[in-house]
Amino acid sequence: MNKIQLTVIGGGQMGRALVGGMLQSGVQKAENIHVVEVNELGRAWWNEHHPSVNVGGDLIAGVRDAQTVLLAVKPNVLPIVTQQPDQTWVGKLVVSIAAGVGMKKLCQWIGHQRVARVMPNTPSLVGQGASAFCVGESVTEDDTSQIKSMLQSVGLVVEVKESQMDAVTGLSGSGPAYVCLMIEALADGGVLSGLPRPLAMQLATQTVLGTAKMVAETGRHPGELKDAVASPGGTTIEALRVLEQNGVRGALIQAVKASADRSRELGQD
């Protein structure tokens, strides 16, 4: 992929994460990347952190020589970005990370079906992302390989049906916020129980990180790993009783569903 001319429209967090991952992994070369960023402070960030990447504010100029275009903008900005002269997107693979914007709309706006939707998440910033993608009818095997290479540079990637993208948004797209809330709450519990705040935060963060790694690397069901900690009549089973009493499991399930439902609503707006 490193010889493919890539233009990234939108130089915010996800654009930075994906470009940074591609550069670090060698998937892409800086001289083959052009970032379109309309904000002057945003362009300054790119010039400071990735001086070899071409950065500018002119969308048409940035897209002109690109073979692949990554639309790393918010859903409400996407209709404005895509409403360009007819020849702008011709012959280009166009990849969108805008939540809730379906393939049908994307293809209408772009003018062809060589289009893909991606739902990444913010842990991509540290190379631990979870990304899902689906593709339009005109996307080739080489295009799919290119998308996978781009996303694998920042973490896990899976291909899904478009009908599953809203559920992906609710789970992994919004999921980092749920986990951050849990880490904060665990640390608060540590403070309530007598720990200093920095130590409580350190222990809460490492506990979540280590547990996630244990689930991923052992392949054991989280319920089995939970039961291994919960001794009869012990401290953990008492804590689990309180969590169940307060509906934590059900609240997380409903949070994922609410986010997925909102993603569907955004797609209908």
C-alpha atoms as a PDB file:
ATOM      1  CA  MET A   1       0.000   0.000   0.000  1.00  0.00           C
ATOM      2  CA  ASN A   2       2.940   2.337   0.616  1.00  0.00           C
ATOM      3  CA  LYS A   3       3.035   3.556  -3.001  1.00  0.00           C
ATOM      4  CA  ILE A   4      -0.655   4.482  -3.063  1.00  0.00           C
ATOM      5  CA  GLN A   5      -1.442   8.187  -2.932  1.00  0.00           C
ATOM      6  CA  LEU A   6      -3.720   8.659   0.071  1.00  0.00           C
ATOM      7  CA  THR A   7      -5.654  11.804   0.950  1.00  0.00           C
ATOM      8  CA  VAL A   8      -7.153  12.139   4.417  1.00  0.00           C
ATOM      9  CA  ILE A   9      -9.936  14.711   4.670  1.00  0.00           C
ATOM     10  CA  GLY A  10     -10.099  15.809   8.292  1.00  0.00           C
ATOM     11  CA  GLY A  11      -7.010  16.001  10.460  1.00  0.00           C
ATOM     12  CA  GLY A  12      -8.655  15.364  13.843  1.00  0.00           C
ATOM     13  CA  GLN A  13      -8.135  12.525  16.299  1.00  0.00           C
ATOM     14  CA  MET A  14      -9.072   9.595  14.075  1.00  0.00           C
ATOM     15  CA  GLY A  15      -7.215  10.978  11.080  1.00  0.00           C
ATOM     16  CA  ARG A  16      -4.148  11.438  13.269  1.00  0.00           C
ATOM     17  CA  ALA A  17      -4.480   7.933  14.717  1.00  0.00           C
ATOM     18  CA  LEU A  18      -4.836   6.202  11.348  1.00  0.00           C
ATOM     19  CA  VAL A  19      -2.037   8.131   9.647  1.00  0.00           C
ATOM     20  CA  GLY A  20       0.231   7.675  12.675  1.00  0.00           C
ATOM     21  CA  GLY A  21      -0.418   3.932  12.681  1.00  0.00           C
ATOM     22  CA  MET A  22       0.225   3.574   8.962  1.00  0.00           C
ATOM     23  CA  LEU A  23       3.486   5.504   9.194  1.00  0.00           C
ATOM     24  CA  GLN A  24       4.716   3.621  12.258  1.00  0.00           C
ATOM     25  CA  SER A  25       3.935   0.213  10.761  1.00  0.00           C
ATOM     26  CA  GLY A  26       5.377   1.101   7.351  1.00  0.00           C
ATOM     27  CA  VAL A  27       2.038   0.521   5.618  1.00  0.00           C
ATOM     28  CA  GLN A  28       2.243   4.014   4.121  1.00  0.00           C
ATOM     29  CA  LYS A  29       4.980   6.553   3.432  1.00  0.00           C
ATOM     30  CA  ALA A  30       4.680  10.175   4.562  1.00  0.00           C
ATOM     31  CA  GLU A  31       5.407  11.574   1.109  1.00  0.00           C
ATOM     32  CA  ASN A  32       2.411   9.679  -0.306  1.00  0.00           C
ATOM     33  CA  ILE A  33      -0.061  11.165   2.185  1.00  0.00           C
ATOM     34  CA  HIS A  34      -1.952  14.441   1.852  1.00  0.00           C
ATOM     35  CA  VAL A  35      -4.072  15.730   4.725  1.00  0.00           C
ATOM     36  CA  VAL A  36      -6.844  18.247   4.067  1.00  0.00           C
ATOM     37  CA  GLU A  37      -7.366  20.273   7.239  1.00  0.00           C
ATOM     38  CA  VAL A  38      -9.250  23.582   7.127  1.00  0.00           C
ATOM     39  CA  ASN A  39      -8.331  24.600  10.669  1.00  0.00           C
ATOM     40  CA  GLU A  40      -5.069  26.546  10.944  1.00  0.00           C
ATOM     41  CA  LEU A  41      -4.248  25.130  14.381  1.00  0.00           C
ATOM     42  CA  GLY A  42      -4.933  21.659  13.033  1.00  0.00           C
ATOM     43  CA  ARG A  43      -2.492  22.201  10.171  1.00  0.00           C
ATOM     44  CA  ALA A  44       0.090  23.442  12.670  1.00  0.00           C
ATOM     45  CA  TRP A  45      -0.234  20.168  14.610  1.00  0.00           C
ATOM     46  CA  TRP A  46       0.474  18.149  11.473  1.00  0.00           C
ATOM     47  CA  ASN A  47       3.441  20.315  10.522  1.00  0.00           C
ATOM     48  CA  GLU A  48       4.902  19.820  13.992  1.00  0.00           C
ATOM     49  CA  HIS A  49       4.280  16.084  14.409  1.00  0.00           C
ATOM     50  CA  HIS A  50       4.466  14.829  10.801  1.00  0.00           C
ATOM     51  CA  PRO A  51       6.460  17.422   8.841  1.00  0.00           C
ATOM     52  CA  SER A  52       6.916  15.084   5.849  1.00  0.00           C
ATOM     53  CA  VAL A  53       3.151  14.710   5.339  1.00  0.00           C
ATOM     54  CA  ASN A  54       1.634  17.163   2.865  1.00  0.00           C
ATOM     55  CA  VAL A  55      -0.981  19.326   4.598  1.00  0.00           C
ATOM     56  CA  GLY A  56      -3.310  21.942   3.118  1.00  0.00           C
ATOM     57  CA  GLY A  57      -6.775  23.417   3.314  1.00  0.00           C
ATOM     58  CA  ASP A  58      -7.860  22.980  -0.325  1.00  0.00           C
ATOM     59  CA  LEU A  59     -10.003  19.850  -0.729  1.00  0.00           C
ATOM     60  CA  ILE A  60     -10.021  19.750  -4.536  1.00  0.00           C
ATOM     61  CA  ALA A  61      -6.251  20.172  -4.724  1.00  0.00           C
ATOM     62  CA  GLY A  62      -5.736  17.558  -2.031  1.00  0.00           C
ATOM     63  CA  VAL A  63      -7.929  14.961  -3.713  1.00  0.00           C
ATOM     64  CA  ARG A  64      -6.774  15.547  -7.295  1.00  0.00           C
ATOM     65  CA  ASP A  65      -3.874  13.072  -7.354  1.00  0.00           C
ATOM     66  CA  ALA A  66      -5.179  10.661  -4.728  1.00  0.00           C
ATOM     67  CA  GLN A  67      -5.972   7.031  -5.460  1.00  0.00           C
ATOM     68  CA  THR A  68      -7.625   6.538  -2.079  1.00  0.00           C
ATOM     69  CA  VAL A  69      -9.545   9.128  -0.045  1.00  0.00           C
ATOM     70  CA  LEU A  70     -10.277   8.697   3.658  1.00  0.00           C
ATOM     71  CA  LEU A  71     -13.208  10.824   4.852  1.00  0.00           C
ATOM     72  CA  ALA A  72     -12.320  11.359   8.519  1.00  0.00           C
ATOM     73  CA  VAL A  73     -15.002  13.938   9.300  1.00  0.00           C
ATOM     74  CA  LYS A  74     -18.131  14.137  11.458  1.00  0.00           C
ATOM     75  CA  PRO A  75     -21.440  12.891   9.993  1.00  0.00           C
ATOM     76  CA  ASN A  76     -22.903  16.421   9.785  1.00  0.00           C
ATOM     77  CA  VAL A  77     -19.882  17.625   7.793  1.00  0.00           C
ATOM     78  CA  LEU A  78     -19.864  14.730   5.316  1.00  0.00           C
ATOM     79  CA  PRO A  79     -22.642  16.068   2.995  1.00  0.00           C
ATOM     80  CA  ILE A  80     -20.733  19.351   2.646  1.00  0.00           C
ATOM     81  CA  VAL A  81     -17.412  17.618   1.971  1.00  0.00           C
ATOM     82  CA  THR A  82     -18.842  15.262  -0.638  1.00  0.00           C
ATOM     83  CA  GLN A  83     -20.738  17.930  -2.620  1.00  0.00           C
ATOM     84  CA  GLN A  84     -17.854  18.667  -4.989  1.00  0.00           C
ATOM     85  CA  PRO A  85     -17.607  18.915  -8.800  1.00  0.00           C
ATOM     86  CA  ASP A  86     -18.617  15.732 -10.639  1.00  0.00           C
ATOM     87  CA  GLN A  87     -15.088  14.547 -11.475  1.00  0.00           C
ATOM     88  CA  THR A  88     -13.705  14.891  -7.930  1.00  0.00           C
ATOM     89  CA  TRP A  89     -14.241  11.271  -6.842  1.00  0.00           C
ATOM     90  CA  VAL A  90     -13.979   9.487 -10.204  1.00  0.00           C
ATOM     91  CA  GLY A  91     -11.597   6.506 -10.120  1.00  0.00           C
ATOM     92  CA  LYS A  92     -10.917   6.768  -6.403  1.00  0.00           C
ATOM     93  CA  LEU A  93     -11.540   4.378  -3.533  1.00  0.00           C
ATOM     94  CA  VAL A  94     -13.455   6.430  -0.959  1.00  0.00           C
ATOM     95  CA  VAL A  95     -13.482   5.290   2.685  1.00  0.00           C
ATOM     96  CA  SER A  96     -15.748   6.984   5.254  1.00  0.00           C
ATOM     97  CA  ILE A  97     -15.540   6.771   9.047  1.00  0.00           C
ATOM     98  CA  ALA A  98     -18.673   8.902   9.636  1.00  0.00           C
ATOM     99  CA  ALA A  99     -20.999   7.124  12.069  1.00  0.00           C
ATOM    100  CA  GLY A 100     -24.512   6.308  10.870  1.00  0.00           C
ATOM    101  CA  VAL A 101     -24.073   7.445   7.262  1.00  0.00           C
ATOM    102  CA  GLY A 102     -25.103   4.458   5.155  1.00  0.00           C
ATOM    103  CA  MET A 103     -23.654   3.113   1.945  1.00  0.00           C
ATOM    104  CA  LYS A 104     -26.646   4.222  -0.122  1.00  0.00           C
ATOM    105  CA  LYS A 105     -26.153   7.885   0.819  1.00  0.00           C
ATOM    106  CA  LEU A 106     -22.390   7.684   0.436  1.00  0.00           C
ATOM    107  CA  CYS A 107     -22.662   6.228  -3.054  1.00  0.00           C
ATOM    108  CA  GLN A 108     -25.211   8.875  -4.064  1.00  0.00           C
ATOM    109  CA  TRP A 109     -22.995  11.693  -2.823  1.00  0.00           C
ATOM    110  CA  ILE A 110     -19.766  10.249  -4.253  1.00  0.00           C
ATOM    111  CA  GLY A 111     -21.326   9.220  -7.560  1.00  0.00           C
ATOM    112  CA  HIS A 112     -20.084   5.616  -7.660  1.00  0.00           C
ATOM    113  CA  GLN A 113     -20.004   2.427  -5.540  1.00  0.00           C
ATOM    114  CA  ARG A 114     -16.273   2.029  -4.955  1.00  0.00           C
ATOM    115  CA  VAL A 115     -16.958   3.104  -1.403  1.00  0.00           C
ATOM    116  CA  ALA A 116     -16.381   1.606   2.058  1.00  0.00           C
ATOM    117  CA  ARG A 117     -17.666   2.406   5.538  1.00  0.00           C
ATOM    118  CA  VAL A 118     -15.392   2.029   8.552  1.00  0.00           C
ATOM    119  CA  MET A 119     -16.133   2.271  12.261  1.00  0.00           C
ATOM    120  CA  PRO A 120     -12.842   2.661  14.147  1.00  0.00           C
ATOM    121  CA  ASN A 121     -12.514   3.614  17.799  1.00  0.00           C
ATOM    122  CA  THR A 122     -10.298   5.891  19.866  1.00  0.00           C
ATOM    123  CA  PRO A 123      -7.855   3.232  21.204  1.00  0.00           C
ATOM    124  CA  SER A 124      -6.522   3.375  17.631  1.00  0.00           C
ATOM    125  CA  LEU A 125      -4.572   6.358  18.996  1.00  0.00           C
ATOM    126  CA  VAL A 126      -2.365   3.896  20.922  1.00  0.00           C
ATOM    127  CA  GLY A 127      -2.391   1.075  18.370  1.00  0.00           C
ATOM    128  CA  GLN A 128      -5.101  -0.917  20.179  1.00  0.00           C
ATOM    129  CA  GLY A 129      -8.129  -0.037  18.087  1.00  0.00           C
ATOM    130  CA  ALA A 130     -11.067  -2.226  17.129  1.00  0.00           C
ATOM    131  CA  SER A 131     -12.324  -1.402  13.638  1.00  0.00           C
ATOM    132  CA  ALA A 132     -15.060  -2.882  11.469  1.00  0.00           C
ATOM    133  CA  PHE A 133     -15.734  -2.152   7.812  1.00  0.00           C
ATOM    134  CA  CYS A 134     -18.150  -2.975   5.005  1.00  0.00           C
ATOM    135  CA  VAL A 135     -17.761  -2.339   1.294  1.00  0.00           C
ATOM    136  CA  GLY A 136     -19.766  -1.206  -1.725  1.00  0.00           C
ATOM    137  CA  GLU A 137     -20.434  -3.295  -4.829  1.00  0.00           C
ATOM    138  CA  SER A 138     -17.515  -1.895  -6.866  1.00  0.00           C
ATOM    139  CA  VAL A 139     -14.841  -2.417  -4.212  1.00  0.00           C
ATOM    140  CA  THR A 140     -12.194  -4.872  -5.452  1.00  0.00           C
ATOM    141  CA  GLU A 141     -10.194  -7.497  -3.575  1.00  0.00           C
ATOM    142  CA  ASP A 142      -7.152  -5.223  -3.775  1.00  0.00           C
ATOM    143  CA  ASP A 143      -9.235  -2.381  -2.308  1.00  0.00           C
ATOM    144  CA  THR A 144     -10.339  -4.631   0.550  1.00  0.00           C
ATOM    145  CA  SER A 145      -6.733  -5.645   1.234  1.00  0.00           C
ATOM    146  CA  GLN A 146      -5.744  -1.982   1.293  1.00  0.00           C
ATOM    147  CA  ILE A 147      -8.497  -1.137   3.794  1.00  0.00           C
ATOM    148  CA  LYS A 148      -7.454  -4.052   6.012  1.00  0.00           C
ATOM    149  CA  SER A 149      -3.792  -2.981   5.921  1.00  0.00           C
ATOM    150  CA  MET A 150      -4.736   0.568   6.874  1.00  0.00           C
ATOM    151  CA  LEU A 151      -6.858  -0.531   9.840  1.00  0.00           C
ATOM    152  CA  GLN A 152      -4.549  -3.341  11.001  1.00  0.00           C
ATOM    153  CA  SER A 153      -1.859  -0.716  11.511  1.00  0.00           C
ATOM    154  CA  VAL A 154      -3.869   0.595  14.498  1.00  0.00           C
ATOM    155  CA  GLY A 155      -5.310  -2.635  15.917  1.00  0.00           C
ATOM    156  CA  LEU A 156      -7.914  -5.324  15.248  1.00  0.00           C
ATOM    157  CA  VAL A 157     -10.010  -5.198  12.056  1.00  0.00           C
ATOM    158  CA  VAL A 158     -13.050  -7.232  11.005  1.00  0.00           C
ATOM    159  CA  GLU A 159     -15.224  -7.128   7.899  1.00  0.00           C
ATOM    160  CA  VAL A 160     -18.982  -7.111   8.559  1.00  0.00           C
ATOM    161  CA  LYS A 161     -22.271  -6.722   6.725  1.00  0.00           C
ATOM    162  CA  GLU A 162     -23.558  -3.169   6.484  1.00  0.00           C
ATOM    163  CA  SER A 163     -26.612  -4.217   8.500  1.00  0.00           C
ATOM    164  CA  GLN A 164     -24.232  -4.859  11.424  1.00  0.00           C
ATOM    165  CA  MET A 165     -22.491  -1.462  11.364  1.00  0.00           C
ATOM    166  CA  ASP A 166     -24.893   0.242  13.785  1.00  0.00           C
ATOM    167  CA  ALA A 167     -24.343  -2.552  16.304  1.00  0.00           C
ATOM    168  CA  VAL A 168     -20.575  -2.158  15.854  1.00  0.00           C
ATOM    169  CA  THR A 169     -20.986   1.552  16.561  1.00  0.00           C
ATOM    170  CA  GLY A 170     -22.883   0.797  19.765  1.00  0.00           C
ATOM    171  CA  LEU A 171     -20.336  -1.760  20.968  1.00  0.00           C
ATOM    172  CA  SER A 172     -16.775  -0.917  19.915  1.00  0.00           C
ATOM    173  CA  GLY A 173     -17.315   2.566  18.484  1.00  0.00           C
ATOM    174  CA  SER A 174     -18.829   3.988  21.665  1.00  0.00           C
ATOM    175  CA  GLY A 175     -17.375   1.302  23.938  1.00  0.00           C
ATOM    176  CA  PRO A 176     -14.227   3.185  25.041  1.00  0.00           C
ATOM    177  CA  ALA A 177     -16.478   5.733  26.765  1.00  0.00           C
ATOM    178  CA  TYR A 178     -18.190   2.974  28.758  1.00  0.00           C
ATOM    179  CA  VAL A 179     -14.849   1.518  29.810  1.00  0.00           C
ATOM    180  CA  CYS A 180     -13.485   4.943  30.818  1.00  0.00           C
ATOM    181  CA  LEU A 181     -16.590   5.454  32.939  1.00  0.00           C
ATOM    182  CA  MET A 182     -15.957   2.092  34.622  1.00  0.00           C
ATOM    183  CA  ILE A 183     -12.299   2.920  35.279  1.00  0.00           C
ATOM    184  CA  GLU A 184     -13.306   6.249  36.811  1.00  0.00           C
ATOM    185  CA  ALA A 185     -15.952   4.570  38.984  1.00  0.00           C
ATOM    186  CA  LEU A 186     -13.544   1.858  40.143  1.00  0.00           C
ATOM    187  CA  ALA A 187     -11.009   4.518  41.101  1.00  0.00           C
ATOM    188  CA  ASP A 188     -13.718   6.430  42.971  1.00  0.00           C
ATOM    189  CA  GLY A 189     -14.492   3.247  44.882  1.00  0.00           C
ATOM    190  CA  GLY A 190     -10.834   2.903  45.790  1.00  0.00           C
ATOM    191  CA  VAL A 191     -10.768   6.496  47.061  1.00  0.00           C
ATOM    192  CA  LEU A 192     -13.951   5.877  49.075  1.00  0.00           C
ATOM    193  CA  SER A 193     -12.266   2.864  50.620  1.00  0.00           C
ATOM    194  CA  GLY A 194      -9.156   4.831  51.638  1.00  0.00           C
ATOM    195  CA  LEU A 195      -6.727   4.859  48.688  1.00  0.00           C
ATOM    196  CA  PRO A 196      -5.088   8.070  47.422  1.00  0.00           C
ATOM    197  CA  ARG A 197      -6.525   9.158  44.056  1.00  0.00           C
ATOM    198  CA  PRO A 198      -3.379   8.571  41.902  1.00  0.00           C
ATOM    199  CA  LEU A 199      -2.899   5.067  43.298  1.00  0.00           C
ATOM    200  CA  ALA A 200      -6.591   4.213  42.877  1.00  0.00           C
ATOM    201  CA  MET A 201      -6.505   5.346  39.253  1.00  0.00           C
ATOM    202  CA  GLN A 202      -3.313   3.387  38.579  1.00  0.00           C
ATOM    203  CA  LEU A 203      -4.754   0.190  40.037  1.00  0.00           C
ATOM    204  CA  ALA A 204      -8.136   0.598  38.300  1.00  0.00           C
ATOM    205  CA  THR A 205      -6.529   1.207  34.913  1.00  0.00           C
ATOM    206  CA  GLN A 206      -4.135  -1.734  35.165  1.00  0.00           C
ATOM    207  CA  THR A 207      -6.915  -4.022  36.389  1.00  0.00           C
ATOM    208  CA  VAL A 208      -9.055  -3.274  33.313  1.00  0.00           C
ATOM    209  CA  LEU A 209      -6.054  -3.498  30.982  1.00  0.00           C
ATOM    210  CA  GLY A 210      -4.821  -6.770  32.455  1.00  0.00           C
ATOM    211  CA  THR A 211      -8.256  -8.377  32.535  1.00  0.00           C
ATOM    212  CA  ALA A 212      -8.923  -7.489  28.900  1.00  0.00           C
ATOM    213  CA  LYS A 213      -5.583  -8.970  27.898  1.00  0.00           C
ATOM    214  CA  MET A 214      -6.298 -12.116  29.930  1.00  0.00           C
ATOM    215  CA  VAL A 215      -9.644 -12.609  28.142  1.00  0.00           C
ATOM    216  CA  ALA A 216      -8.047 -11.997  24.733  1.00  0.00           C
ATOM    217  CA  GLU A 217      -5.010 -14.227  25.240  1.00  0.00           C
ATOM    218  CA  THR A 218      -6.503 -17.174  27.123  1.00  0.00           C
ATOM    219  CA  GLY A 219      -9.624 -17.467  24.967  1.00  0.00           C
ATOM    220  CA  ARG A 220     -11.584 -18.387  28.087  1.00  0.00           C
ATOM    221  CA  HIS A 221     -15.120 -17.056  28.525  1.00  0.00           C
ATOM    222  CA  PRO A 222     -15.225 -13.966  30.766  1.00  0.00           C
ATOM    223  CA  GLY A 223     -17.854 -15.687  32.909  1.00  0.00           C
ATOM    224  CA  GLU A 224     -15.402 -18.509  33.592  1.00  0.00           C
ATOM    225  CA  LEU A 225     -12.634 -16.048  34.517  1.00  0.00           C
ATOM    226  CA  LYS A 226     -15.089 -14.168  36.751  1.00  0.00           C
ATOM    227  CA  ASP A 227     -16.030 -17.363  38.572  1.00  0.00           C
ATOM    228  CA  ALA A 228     -12.346 -18.150  39.151  1.00  0.00           C
ATOM    229  CA  VAL A 229     -12.056 -14.973  41.255  1.00  0.00           C
ATOM    230  CA  ALA A 230     -15.304 -15.430  43.183  1.00  0.00           C
ATOM    231  CA  SER A 231     -14.561 -17.730  46.137  1.00  0.00           C
ATOM    232  CA  PRO A 232     -17.529 -19.064  48.158  1.00  0.00           C
ATOM    233  CA  GLY A 233     -18.592 -16.537  50.770  1.00  0.00           C
ATOM    234  CA  GLY A 234     -15.708 -14.239  49.814  1.00  0.00           C
ATOM    235  CA  THR A 235     -15.179 -10.576  48.976  1.00  0.00           C
ATOM    236  CA  THR A 236     -15.618 -10.814  45.205  1.00  0.00           C
ATOM    237  CA  ILE A 237     -18.942 -12.654  45.225  1.00  0.00           C
ATOM    238  CA  GLU A 238     -20.265 -10.056  47.661  1.00  0.00           C
ATOM    239  CA  ALA A 239     -19.189  -7.289  45.271  1.00  0.00           C
ATOM    240  CA  LEU A 240     -20.762  -9.113  42.322  1.00  0.00           C
ATOM    241  CA  ARG A 241     -24.027  -9.362  44.252  1.00  0.00           C
ATOM    242  CA  VAL A 242     -24.044  -5.560  44.599  1.00  0.00           C
ATOM    243  CA  LEU A 243     -23.310  -5.076  40.885  1.00  0.00           C
ATOM    244  CA  GLU A 244     -26.186  -7.381  39.911  1.00  0.00           C
ATOM    245  CA  GLN A 245     -28.464  -5.715  42.454  1.00  0.00           C
ATOM    246  CA  ASN A 246     -27.755  -2.351  40.830  1.00  0.00           C
ATOM    247  CA  GLY A 247     -28.298  -3.584  37.291  1.00  0.00           C
ATOM    248  CA  VAL A 248     -24.788  -2.934  35.977  1.00  0.00           C
ATOM    249  CA  ARG A 249     -24.953  -5.795  33.448  1.00  0.00           C
ATOM    250  CA  GLY A 250     -28.353  -4.679  32.126  1.00  0.00           C
ATOM    251  CA  ALA A 251     -27.254  -1.035  31.995  1.00  0.00           C
ATOM    252  CA  LEU A 252     -24.258  -1.900  29.790  1.00  0.00           C
ATOM    253  CA  ILE A 253     -26.433  -3.990  27.470  1.00  0.00           C
ATOM    254  CA  GLN A 254     -28.910  -1.129  27.150  1.00  0.00           C
ATOM    255  CA  ALA A 255     -26.090   1.387  26.605  1.00  0.00           C
ATOM    256  CA  VAL A 256     -24.852  -0.563  23.584  1.00  0.00           C
ATOM    257  CA  LYS A 257     -28.383  -0.796  22.221  1.00  0.00           C
ATOM    258  CA  ALA A 258     -29.043   2.925  22.780  1.00  0.00           C
ATOM    259  CA  SER A 259     -25.888   3.868  20.894  1.00  0.00           C
ATOM    260  CA  ALA A 260     -26.750   1.482  18.042  1.00  0.00           C
ATOM    261  CA  ASP A 261     -30.280   2.897  17.876  1.00  0.00           C
ATOM    262  CA  ARG A 262     -28.906   6.450  17.751  1.00  0.00           C
ATOM    263  CA  SER A 263     -26.583   5.430  14.918  1.00  0.00           C
ATOM    264  CA  ARG A 264     -29.603   4.185  12.956  1.00  0.00           C
ATOM    265  CA  GLU A 265     -31.378   7.502  13.624  1.00  0.00           C
ATOM    266  CA  LEU A 266     -28.388   9.451  12.344  1.00  0.00           C
ATOM    267  CA  GLY A 267     -28.501   7.390   9.163  1.00  0.00           C
ATOM    268  CA  GLN A 268     -32.142   8.390   8.608  1.00  0.00           C
ATOM    269  CA  ASP A 269     -31.609  12.142   9.127  1.00  0.00           C
END
